[in-house]
Amino acid sequence: MKALFTILASMAVGLVIWRIDSQPHWDDTGITAAMILASTGLISFVNPKRPYICAIATCFWIPLFGIINHGNYGTLLVFIIGLVGAYGGLILRNAFQSAS
């Protein structure tokens, strides 16, 4: 049940980030990347099992619509940011658990 909630939460957060990123006058890749990094890190911190699924579920939307609408395959790089955030959350979780 916790894994399903994690996937649904990741997909919802990713959809919100995509919606913000797809606005006509939004052209700030750094803020989008920071939102992805923070959200995947937080979700992976809360549920550290399979962080790659969190990253894929969160980052899925941006390349999907970027490729469909604009033919922009460069949006696939967002998965790297998502994986860094997800595994960063996992590492922080393990550090906090070992410190206690």
C-alpha atoms as a PDB file:
ATOM      1  CA  MET A   1       0.000   0.000   0.000  1.00  0.00           C
ATOM      2  CA  LYS A   2       2.856   2.372   0.827  1.00  0.00           C
ATOM      3  CA  ALA A   3       4.473   1.707  -2.574  1.00  0.00           C
ATOM      4  CA  LEU A   4       1.232   2.513  -4.396  1.00  0.00           C
ATOM      5  CA  PHE A   5       0.851   5.752  -2.460  1.00  0.00           C
ATOM      6  CA  THR A   6       4.447   6.650  -3.292  1.00  0.00           C
ATOM      7  CA  ILE A   7       3.899   6.076  -7.003  1.00  0.00           C
ATOM      8  CA  LEU A   8       0.652   8.058  -7.033  1.00  0.00           C
ATOM      9  CA  ALA A   9       2.206  10.915  -5.062  1.00  0.00           C
ATOM     10  CA  SER A  10       5.214  10.960  -7.390  1.00  0.00           C
ATOM     11  CA  MET A  11       2.985  11.041 -10.462  1.00  0.00           C
ATOM     12  CA  ALA A  12       0.859  13.839  -9.011  1.00  0.00           C
ATOM     13  CA  VAL A  13       3.895  15.944  -8.103  1.00  0.00           C
ATOM     14  CA  GLY A  14       5.398  15.325 -11.536  1.00  0.00           C
ATOM     15  CA  LEU A  15       2.168  16.400 -13.208  1.00  0.00           C
ATOM     16  CA  VAL A  16       2.111  19.633 -11.188  1.00  0.00           C
ATOM     17  CA  ILE A  17       5.744  20.337 -12.097  1.00  0.00           C
ATOM     18  CA  TRP A  18       5.022  19.645 -15.758  1.00  0.00           C
ATOM     19  CA  ARG A  19       2.016  21.980 -15.650  1.00  0.00           C
ATOM     20  CA  ILE A  20       4.129  24.779 -14.203  1.00  0.00           C
ATOM     21  CA  ASP A  21       6.919  24.085 -16.696  1.00  0.00           C
ATOM     22  CA  SER A  22       4.555  24.099 -19.672  1.00  0.00           C
ATOM     23  CA  GLN A  23       3.237  27.616 -19.083  1.00  0.00           C
ATOM     24  CA  PRO A  24       3.828  29.887 -22.108  1.00  0.00           C
ATOM     25  CA  HIS A  25       6.083  32.404 -20.370  1.00  0.00           C
ATOM     26  CA  TRP A  26       7.883  29.973 -18.060  1.00  0.00           C
ATOM     27  CA  ASP A  27      11.463  29.682 -19.169  1.00  0.00           C
ATOM     28  CA  ASP A  28      13.384  28.868 -16.037  1.00  0.00           C
ATOM     29  CA  THR A  29      14.912  25.436 -16.291  1.00  0.00           C
ATOM     30  CA  GLY A  30      16.840  25.844 -13.056  1.00  0.00           C
ATOM     31  CA  ILE A  31      13.721  26.224 -10.941  1.00  0.00           C
ATOM     32  CA  THR A  32      12.087  23.268 -12.686  1.00  0.00           C
ATOM     33  CA  ALA A  33      15.188  21.166 -12.040  1.00  0.00           C
ATOM     34  CA  ALA A  34      15.249  22.256  -8.387  1.00  0.00           C
ATOM     35  CA  MET A  35      11.573  21.317  -7.989  1.00  0.00           C
ATOM     36  CA  ILE A  36      12.256  17.875  -9.450  1.00  0.00           C
ATOM     37  CA  LEU A  37      15.372  17.385  -7.324  1.00  0.00           C
ATOM     38  CA  ALA A  38      13.594  18.425  -4.127  1.00  0.00           C
ATOM     39  CA  SER A  39      10.401  16.468  -4.759  1.00  0.00           C
ATOM     40  CA  THR A  40      12.097  13.208  -5.719  1.00  0.00           C
ATOM     41  CA  GLY A  41      14.476  13.587  -2.784  1.00  0.00           C
ATOM     42  CA  LEU A  42      11.639  14.167  -0.329  1.00  0.00           C
ATOM     43  CA  ILE A  43       9.484  11.333  -1.620  1.00  0.00           C
ATOM     44  CA  SER A  44      12.458   8.983  -1.628  1.00  0.00           C
ATOM     45  CA  PHE A  45      13.367  10.097   1.890  1.00  0.00           C
ATOM     46  CA  VAL A  46       9.874   9.183   3.085  1.00  0.00           C
ATOM     47  CA  ASN A  47       9.832   5.824   1.274  1.00  0.00           C
ATOM     48  CA  PRO A  48      13.380   4.705   0.462  1.00  0.00           C
ATOM     49  CA  LYS A  49      12.430   1.449  -1.260  1.00  0.00           C
ATOM     50  CA  ARG A  50      13.020   1.571  -5.013  1.00  0.00           C
ATOM     51  CA  PRO A  51      13.957   5.248  -5.466  1.00  0.00           C
ATOM     52  CA  TYR A  52      14.253   4.790  -9.229  1.00  0.00           C
ATOM     53  CA  ILE A  53      10.489   4.228  -9.442  1.00  0.00           C
ATOM     54  CA  CYS A  54       9.920   7.526  -7.648  1.00  0.00           C
ATOM     55  CA  ALA A  55      12.222   9.280 -10.133  1.00  0.00           C
ATOM     56  CA  ILE A  56      10.552   7.718 -13.168  1.00  0.00           C
ATOM     57  CA  ALA A  57       7.025   8.428 -11.940  1.00  0.00           C
ATOM     58  CA  THR A  58       7.869  12.058 -11.149  1.00  0.00           C
ATOM     59  CA  CYS A  59       9.883  12.828 -14.271  1.00  0.00           C
ATOM     60  CA  PHE A  60       7.728  10.939 -16.760  1.00  0.00           C
ATOM     61  CA  TRP A  61       5.502  13.881 -17.700  1.00  0.00           C
ATOM     62  CA  ILE A  62       8.057  16.430 -18.881  1.00  0.00           C
ATOM     63  CA  PRO A  63       9.686  14.253 -21.569  1.00  0.00           C
ATOM     64  CA  LEU A  64       6.342  12.790 -22.587  1.00  0.00           C
ATOM     65  CA  PHE A  65       4.828  16.132 -23.471  1.00  0.00           C
ATOM     66  CA  GLY A  66       8.131  17.675 -24.567  1.00  0.00           C
ATOM     67  CA  ILE A  67       8.634  14.993 -27.175  1.00  0.00           C
ATOM     68  CA  ILE A  68       4.996  14.883 -28.283  1.00  0.00           C
ATOM     69  CA  ASN A  69       4.456  18.650 -28.508  1.00  0.00           C
ATOM     70  CA  HIS A  70       7.877  19.917 -29.583  1.00  0.00           C
ATOM     71  CA  GLY A  71       9.949  16.899 -30.625  1.00  0.00           C
ATOM     72  CA  ASN A  72      12.422  17.853 -27.894  1.00  0.00           C
ATOM     73  CA  TYR A  73      14.317  14.698 -26.948  1.00  0.00           C
ATOM     74  CA  GLY A  74      16.601  16.748 -24.702  1.00  0.00           C
ATOM     75  CA  THR A  75      13.870  16.638 -22.091  1.00  0.00           C
ATOM     76  CA  LEU A  76      14.903  13.042 -21.386  1.00  0.00           C
ATOM     77  CA  LEU A  77      17.785  14.492 -19.362  1.00  0.00           C
ATOM     78  CA  VAL A  78      15.262  15.285 -16.631  1.00  0.00           C
ATOM     79  CA  PHE A  79      15.498  11.633 -15.582  1.00  0.00           C
ATOM     80  CA  ILE A  80      19.099  12.211 -14.497  1.00  0.00           C
ATOM     81  CA  ILE A  81      17.997  15.032 -12.191  1.00  0.00           C
ATOM     82  CA  GLY A  82      15.192  12.878 -10.821  1.00  0.00           C
ATOM     83  CA  LEU A  83      17.528   9.956 -10.148  1.00  0.00           C
ATOM     84  CA  VAL A  84      20.048  12.214  -8.391  1.00  0.00           C
ATOM     85  CA  GLY A  85      17.276  13.562  -6.163  1.00  0.00           C
ATOM     86  CA  ALA A  86      15.783  10.143  -5.439  1.00  0.00           C
ATOM     87  CA  TYR A  87      19.074   8.519  -4.540  1.00  0.00           C
ATOM     88  CA  GLY A  88      20.062  11.619  -2.577  1.00  0.00           C
ATOM     89  CA  GLY A  89      16.918  11.170  -0.486  1.00  0.00           C
ATOM     90  CA  LEU A  90      17.806   7.511   0.020  1.00  0.00           C
ATOM     91  CA  ILE A  91      21.335   8.398   1.150  1.00  0.00           C
ATOM     92  CA  LEU A  92      20.017  11.033   3.579  1.00  0.00           C
ATOM     93  CA  ARG A  93      17.500   8.579   4.999  1.00  0.00           C
ATOM     94  CA  ASN A  94      20.215   5.973   5.549  1.00  0.00           C
ATOM     95  CA  ALA A  95      22.474   8.602   7.154  1.00  0.00           C
ATOM     96  CA  PHE A  96      19.743   9.659   9.581  1.00  0.00           C
ATOM     97  CA  GLN A  97      18.943   6.058  10.462  1.00  0.00           C
ATOM     98  CA  SER A  98      22.553   5.147  11.112  1.00  0.00           C
ATOM     99  CA  ALA A  99      23.082   8.297  13.226  1.00  0.00           C
ATOM    100  CA  SER A 100      20.243   7.407  15.584  1.00  0.00           C
END
